[in-house]
Amino acid sequence: MGHHETLDLFHSLEPGDRVELEHEVKVGFRTWNTVTSGTVVGIDRQRRSLHFDRNFDDKVFSDTILLKRDDGELTTVTLDEFSTLKKLPESH
């Protein structure tokens, strides 16, 4: 799934949908790939000022998903161009 398909799926998510996100985690110089899954609590597109020395009218956004993991933990994940989002079947 490409980035455009991931964004299309992101915009169609509703609270209660189960999803799995494959993404890259970076801490300092360390990088690893991981999978985070859970139930969507909410999605948001937030304006950020993450970049230094940009033109004053440049707009930078982060697409975020608030997930409730199976153990009850709440976590926020941010999509980037390397993220792969999948919708999972509902569990009963």
N, C-alpha and C. Protein backbone atom coordinates (compact mmCIF):
# COMPACT_ATOMS: atom_id res chain seq x y z
N MET A 1 0.85 -1.17 0.00
CA MET A 1 0.00 0.00 0.00
C MET A 1 0.89 1.23 0.00
N GLY A 2 0.62 2.16 -0.89
CA GLY A 2 1.40 3.38 -0.98
C GLY A 2 0.89 4.45 -0.02
N HIS A 3 1.61 5.57 0.01
CA HIS A 3 1.28 6.65 0.94
C HIS A 3 -0.10 7.24 0.66
N HIS A 4 -0.47 7.37 -0.62
CA HIS A 4 -1.78 7.94 -0.94
C HIS A 4 -2.91 7.03 -0.46
N GLU A 5 -2.74 5.71 -0.62
CA GLU A 5 -3.75 4.77 -0.14
C GLU A 5 -3.85 4.81 1.37
N THR A 6 -2.69 4.93 2.05
CA THR A 6 -2.68 5.04 3.51
C THR A 6 -3.43 6.28 3.96
N LEU A 7 -3.21 7.42 3.29
CA LEU A 7 -3.92 8.65 3.65
C LEU A 7 -5.41 8.53 3.38
N ASP A 8 -5.80 7.89 2.28
CA ASP A 8 -7.22 7.69 2.00
C ASP A 8 -7.88 6.88 3.11
N LEU A 9 -7.21 5.81 3.53
CA LEU A 9 -7.73 4.98 4.62
C LEU A 9 -7.78 5.78 5.92
N PHE A 10 -6.74 6.56 6.20
CA PHE A 10 -6.69 7.39 7.40
C PHE A 10 -7.92 8.30 7.47
N HIS A 11 -8.24 8.98 6.37
CA HIS A 11 -9.35 9.92 6.36
C HIS A 11 -10.71 9.23 6.47
N SER A 12 -10.78 7.93 6.18
CA SER A 12 -12.04 7.21 6.27
C SER A 12 -12.25 6.54 7.63
N LEU A 13 -11.26 6.60 8.52
CA LEU A 13 -11.36 5.92 9.81
C LEU A 13 -12.42 6.55 10.70
N GLU A 14 -13.09 5.70 11.46
CA GLU A 14 -14.10 6.10 12.42
C GLU A 14 -13.73 5.52 13.78
N PRO A 15 -14.12 6.18 14.88
CA PRO A 15 -13.90 5.58 16.20
C PRO A 15 -14.52 4.18 16.25
N GLY A 16 -13.78 3.25 16.80
CA GLY A 16 -14.23 1.86 16.87
C GLY A 16 -13.60 0.97 15.82
N ASP A 17 -13.04 1.55 14.75
CA ASP A 17 -12.35 0.74 13.73
C ASP A 17 -11.09 0.14 14.34
N ARG A 18 -10.79 -1.11 13.97
CA ARG A 18 -9.54 -1.75 14.40
C ARG A 18 -8.53 -1.59 13.28
N VAL A 19 -7.31 -1.15 13.63
CA VAL A 19 -6.28 -0.92 12.63
C VAL A 19 -4.94 -1.47 13.09
N GLU A 20 -4.06 -1.63 12.12
CA GLU A 20 -2.67 -2.05 12.35
C GLU A 20 -1.80 -1.09 11.56
N LEU A 21 -0.80 -0.54 12.20
CA LEU A 21 0.08 0.43 11.58
C LEU A 21 1.51 -0.07 11.64
N GLU A 22 2.12 -0.26 10.48
CA GLU A 22 3.55 -0.58 10.41
C GLU A 22 4.27 0.74 10.23
N HIS A 23 5.22 1.04 11.13
CA HIS A 23 5.89 2.32 11.07
C HIS A 23 7.31 2.22 11.62
N GLU A 24 8.06 3.26 11.37
CA GLU A 24 9.46 3.33 11.80
C GLU A 24 9.54 4.21 13.04
N VAL A 25 10.29 3.75 14.03
CA VAL A 25 10.50 4.51 15.26
C VAL A 25 11.96 4.96 15.27
N LYS A 26 12.17 6.25 15.58
CA LYS A 26 13.53 6.79 15.65
C LYS A 26 13.74 7.43 17.01
N VAL A 27 14.81 7.03 17.66
CA VAL A 27 15.21 7.64 18.93
C VAL A 27 16.71 7.87 18.83
N GLY A 28 17.09 9.14 18.78
CA GLY A 28 18.51 9.45 18.59
C GLY A 28 18.99 8.89 17.27
N PHE A 29 20.05 8.10 17.30
CA PHE A 29 20.59 7.50 16.09
C PHE A 29 20.04 6.10 15.83
N ARG A 30 19.19 5.61 16.74
CA ARG A 30 18.62 4.27 16.59
C ARG A 30 17.31 4.35 15.82
N THR A 31 17.08 3.36 14.97
CA THR A 31 15.86 3.26 14.17
C THR A 31 15.43 1.80 14.12
N TRP A 32 14.14 1.55 14.28
CA TRP A 32 13.62 0.21 14.11
C TRP A 32 12.19 0.26 13.61
N ASN A 33 11.78 -0.82 12.95
CA ASN A 33 10.41 -0.94 12.45
C ASN A 33 9.57 -1.67 13.47
N THR A 34 8.33 -1.26 13.61
CA THR A 34 7.43 -1.89 14.57
C THR A 34 6.01 -1.88 14.04
N VAL A 35 5.15 -2.63 14.67
CA VAL A 35 3.74 -2.70 14.32
C VAL A 35 2.93 -2.33 15.56
N THR A 36 2.01 -1.40 15.40
CA THR A 36 1.12 -0.98 16.49
C THR A 36 -0.30 -1.24 16.04
N SER A 37 -1.08 -1.90 16.88
CA SER A 37 -2.47 -2.18 16.52
C SER A 37 -3.38 -1.80 17.68
N GLY A 38 -4.63 -1.54 17.34
CA GLY A 38 -5.60 -1.20 18.37
C GLY A 38 -6.88 -0.68 17.74
N THR A 39 -7.72 -0.12 18.61
CA THR A 39 -9.01 0.41 18.21
C THR A 39 -8.92 1.93 18.13
N VAL A 40 -9.39 2.49 17.03
CA VAL A 40 -9.32 3.93 16.83
C VAL A 40 -10.23 4.64 17.84
N VAL A 41 -9.64 5.58 18.59
CA VAL A 41 -10.40 6.45 19.48
C VAL A 41 -10.71 7.74 18.73
N GLY A 42 -9.74 8.21 17.94
CA GLY A 42 -9.94 9.42 17.14
C GLY A 42 -8.78 9.64 16.20
N ILE A 43 -9.01 10.48 15.19
CA ILE A 43 -7.95 10.87 14.27
C ILE A 43 -7.89 12.39 14.26
N ASP A 44 -6.73 12.93 13.90
CA ASP A 44 -6.58 14.37 13.88
C ASP A 44 -5.50 14.76 12.88
N ARG A 45 -5.66 15.92 12.27
CA ARG A 45 -4.63 16.52 11.42
C ARG A 45 -4.25 17.81 12.12
N GLN A 46 -3.02 17.85 12.66
CA GLN A 46 -2.59 18.97 13.48
C GLN A 46 -1.52 19.78 12.77
N ARG A 47 -1.65 21.08 12.88
CA ARG A 47 -0.64 21.99 12.33
C ARG A 47 0.57 21.97 13.24
N ARG A 48 1.74 21.88 12.69
CA ARG A 48 2.99 21.80 13.45
C ARG A 48 3.96 22.85 12.97
N SER A 49 4.94 23.12 13.81
CA SER A 49 6.07 23.95 13.41
C SER A 49 7.32 23.13 13.67
N LEU A 50 7.39 21.98 13.00
CA LEU A 50 8.46 21.01 13.24
C LEU A 50 9.77 21.37 12.55
N HIS A 51 9.73 22.28 11.62
CA HIS A 51 10.91 22.51 10.80
C HIS A 51 11.50 23.88 11.09
N PHE A 52 12.78 23.93 11.15
CA PHE A 52 13.52 25.16 11.43
C PHE A 52 13.75 25.95 10.15
N ASP A 53 13.63 27.26 10.25
CA ASP A 53 14.00 28.17 9.17
C ASP A 53 13.19 27.94 7.90
N ARG A 54 11.87 27.75 8.06
CA ARG A 54 10.98 27.61 6.91
C ARG A 54 10.38 28.97 6.59
N ASN A 55 9.83 29.08 5.42
CA ASN A 55 9.12 30.29 5.03
C ASN A 55 7.93 30.47 5.97
N PHE A 56 7.58 31.67 6.34
CA PHE A 56 6.55 31.92 7.33
C PHE A 56 5.17 31.39 6.92
N ASP A 57 4.91 31.25 5.64
CA ASP A 57 3.59 30.78 5.23
C ASP A 57 3.55 29.29 4.87
N ASP A 58 4.65 28.56 5.08
CA ASP A 58 4.64 27.12 4.86
C ASP A 58 3.78 26.45 5.93
N LYS A 59 2.97 25.52 5.49
CA LYS A 59 2.11 24.80 6.42
C LYS A 59 2.62 23.37 6.56
N VAL A 60 2.86 22.93 7.79
CA VAL A 60 3.32 21.58 8.07
C VAL A 60 2.26 20.93 8.95
N PHE A 61 1.80 19.75 8.54
CA PHE A 61 0.76 19.04 9.28
C PHE A 61 1.24 17.66 9.68
N SER A 62 0.68 17.14 10.77
CA SER A 62 0.91 15.77 11.19
C SER A 62 -0.44 15.07 11.27
N ASP A 63 -0.55 13.91 10.64
CA ASP A 63 -1.76 13.10 10.72
C ASP A 63 -1.56 12.11 11.86
N THR A 64 -2.41 12.19 12.89
CA THR A 64 -2.24 11.34 14.07
C THR A 64 -3.48 10.49 14.32
N ILE A 65 -3.25 9.32 14.90
CA ILE A 65 -4.32 8.42 15.29
C ILE A 65 -4.16 8.13 16.78
N LEU A 66 -5.23 8.33 17.54
CA LEU A 66 -5.25 7.94 18.94
C LEU A 66 -5.85 6.55 18.99
N LEU A 67 -5.06 5.59 19.50
CA LEU A 67 -5.47 4.19 19.54
C LEU A 67 -5.60 3.71 20.97
N LYS A 68 -6.56 2.82 21.19
CA LYS A 68 -6.65 2.09 22.44
C LYS A 68 -6.17 0.68 22.14
N ARG A 69 -5.04 0.32 22.73
CA ARG A 69 -4.47 -0.99 22.49
C ARG A 69 -5.27 -2.05 23.24
N ASP A 70 -5.04 -3.32 22.92
CA ASP A 70 -5.82 -4.40 23.51
C ASP A 70 -5.68 -4.48 25.03
N ASP A 71 -4.55 -3.99 25.57
CA ASP A 71 -4.36 -4.01 27.02
C ASP A 71 -4.94 -2.78 27.71
N GLY A 72 -5.62 -1.90 26.94
CA GLY A 72 -6.25 -0.71 27.50
C GLY A 72 -5.40 0.55 27.41
N GLU A 73 -4.12 0.40 27.07
CA GLU A 73 -3.23 1.55 26.95
C GLU A 73 -3.67 2.44 25.80
N LEU A 74 -3.63 3.76 26.02
CA LEU A 74 -3.87 4.73 24.95
C LEU A 74 -2.53 5.15 24.38
N THR A 75 -2.42 5.20 23.07
CA THR A 75 -1.19 5.62 22.42
C THR A 75 -1.53 6.45 21.19
N THR A 76 -0.68 7.39 20.88
CA THR A 76 -0.84 8.22 19.69
C THR A 76 0.26 7.87 18.71
N VAL A 77 -0.12 7.60 17.46
CA VAL A 77 0.85 7.33 16.41
C VAL A 77 0.69 8.39 15.33
N THR A 78 1.81 8.77 14.74
CA THR A 78 1.82 9.77 13.69
C THR A 78 2.21 9.10 12.38
N LEU A 79 1.42 9.34 11.35
CA LEU A 79 1.71 8.77 10.03
C LEU A 79 2.80 9.58 9.34
N ASP A 80 3.63 8.89 8.59
CA ASP A 80 4.56 9.56 7.68
C ASP A 80 4.53 8.82 6.36
N GLU A 81 5.38 9.23 5.44
CA GLU A 81 5.33 8.63 4.10
C GLU A 81 5.78 7.18 4.06
N PHE A 82 6.35 6.68 5.16
CA PHE A 82 6.81 5.29 5.22
C PHE A 82 5.85 4.39 5.98
N SER A 83 4.78 4.95 6.55
CA SER A 83 3.81 4.19 7.34
C SER A 83 2.89 3.40 6.42
N THR A 84 2.50 2.23 6.89
CA THR A 84 1.52 1.40 6.19
C THR A 84 0.38 1.12 7.15
N LEU A 85 -0.82 1.53 6.78
CA LEU A 85 -2.00 1.41 7.62
C LEU A 85 -2.92 0.35 7.03
N LYS A 86 -3.41 -0.55 7.89
CA LYS A 86 -4.34 -1.59 7.47
C LYS A 86 -5.54 -1.57 8.41
N LYS A 87 -6.73 -1.75 7.84
CA LYS A 87 -7.92 -1.90 8.64
C LYS A 87 -8.11 -3.38 8.94
N LEU A 88 -8.33 -3.71 10.20
CA LEU A 88 -8.48 -5.10 10.63
C LEU A 88 -9.96 -5.45 10.77
N PRO A 89 -10.29 -6.73 10.66
CA PRO A 89 -11.68 -7.14 10.90
C PRO A 89 -12.04 -6.86 12.36
N GLU A 90 -13.30 -6.54 12.60
CA GLU A 90 -13.74 -6.28 13.96
C GLU A 90 -13.70 -7.56 14.77
N SER A 91 -13.26 -7.44 16.04
CA SER A 91 -13.26 -8.60 16.93
C SER A 91 -14.53 -8.57 17.78
N HIS A 92 -15.08 -9.72 18.05
CA HIS A 92 -16.32 -9.78 18.83
C HIS A 92 -16.09 -10.45 20.14
